[in-house]
């Protein structure tokens, strides 16, 4: 069975959800995860979200 609707939510976002992560400053990565960083809610990449969750990033 095919997965026809996988990724439909990010296709509607500008540039398909890609941009510059404000934490690690990498460009052209998917910034989809909303997280509170320094008192402000920003969208960050998957690796930075995991690092913040495990206490490895500030």
Protein backbone atom coordinates (compact mmCIF):
# COMPACT_ATOMS: atom_id res chain seq x y z
CA UNK A 1 0.00 0.00 0.00
CA UNK A 2 1.43 3.39 -1.01
CA UNK A 3 1.94 6.34 1.32
CA UNK A 4 0.38 9.05 -0.86
CA UNK A 5 -0.13 11.64 1.88
CA UNK A 6 3.22 11.37 3.67
CA UNK A 7 4.79 14.81 4.04
CA UNK A 8 1.66 16.65 2.92
CA UNK A 9 1.86 19.10 5.83
CA UNK A 10 5.36 20.30 4.99
CA UNK A 11 4.64 20.65 1.29
CA UNK A 12 2.26 23.50 2.14
CA UNK A 13 4.92 25.42 4.12
CA UNK A 14 7.14 27.99 2.38
CA UNK A 15 10.25 26.29 0.96
CA UNK A 16 8.79 22.98 2.18
CA UNK A 17 9.78 23.69 5.78
CA UNK A 18 13.46 24.28 5.07
CA UNK A 19 15.55 27.15 6.32
CA UNK A 20 18.36 28.11 8.71
CA UNK A 21 18.29 26.67 12.22
CA UNK A 22 18.72 29.50 14.75
CA UNK A 23 20.56 27.24 17.22
CA UNK A 24 23.21 25.47 15.10
CA UNK A 25 23.13 27.95 12.16
CA UNK A 26 22.99 25.16 9.57
CA UNK A 27 21.29 26.17 6.34
CA UNK A 28 18.76 24.33 4.18
CA UNK A 29 17.65 21.94 6.93
CA UNK A 30 14.06 21.20 7.91
CA UNK A 31 13.12 23.56 10.74
CA UNK A 32 9.86 22.01 11.87
CA UNK A 33 10.12 21.65 15.65
CA UNK A 34 8.81 24.53 17.75
CA UNK A 35 10.88 24.95 20.92
CA UNK A 36 11.38 27.67 23.50
CA UNK A 37 14.97 28.98 23.31
CA UNK A 38 16.07 31.96 25.45
CA UNK A 39 12.47 32.81 26.27
CA UNK A 40 11.31 32.93 22.65
CA UNK A 41 9.50 30.24 20.68
CA UNK A 42 11.46 29.40 17.54
CA UNK A 43 11.45 26.56 15.04
CA UNK A 44 14.58 24.42 15.18
CA UNK A 45 15.97 21.35 13.39
CA UNK A 46 15.62 17.76 14.55
CA UNK A 47 19.18 17.38 15.88
CA UNK A 48 18.98 20.55 17.96
CA UNK A 49 15.64 19.43 19.38
CA UNK A 50 17.19 16.15 20.49
CA UNK A 51 20.22 17.95 21.96
CA UNK A 52 18.00 20.30 23.96
CA UNK A 53 15.92 17.38 25.19
CA UNK A 54 18.97 15.50 26.46
CA UNK A 55 20.60 18.61 27.95
CA UNK A 56 23.55 18.71 25.56
CA UNK A 57 22.82 22.15 24.11
CA UNK A 58 22.11 25.43 25.84
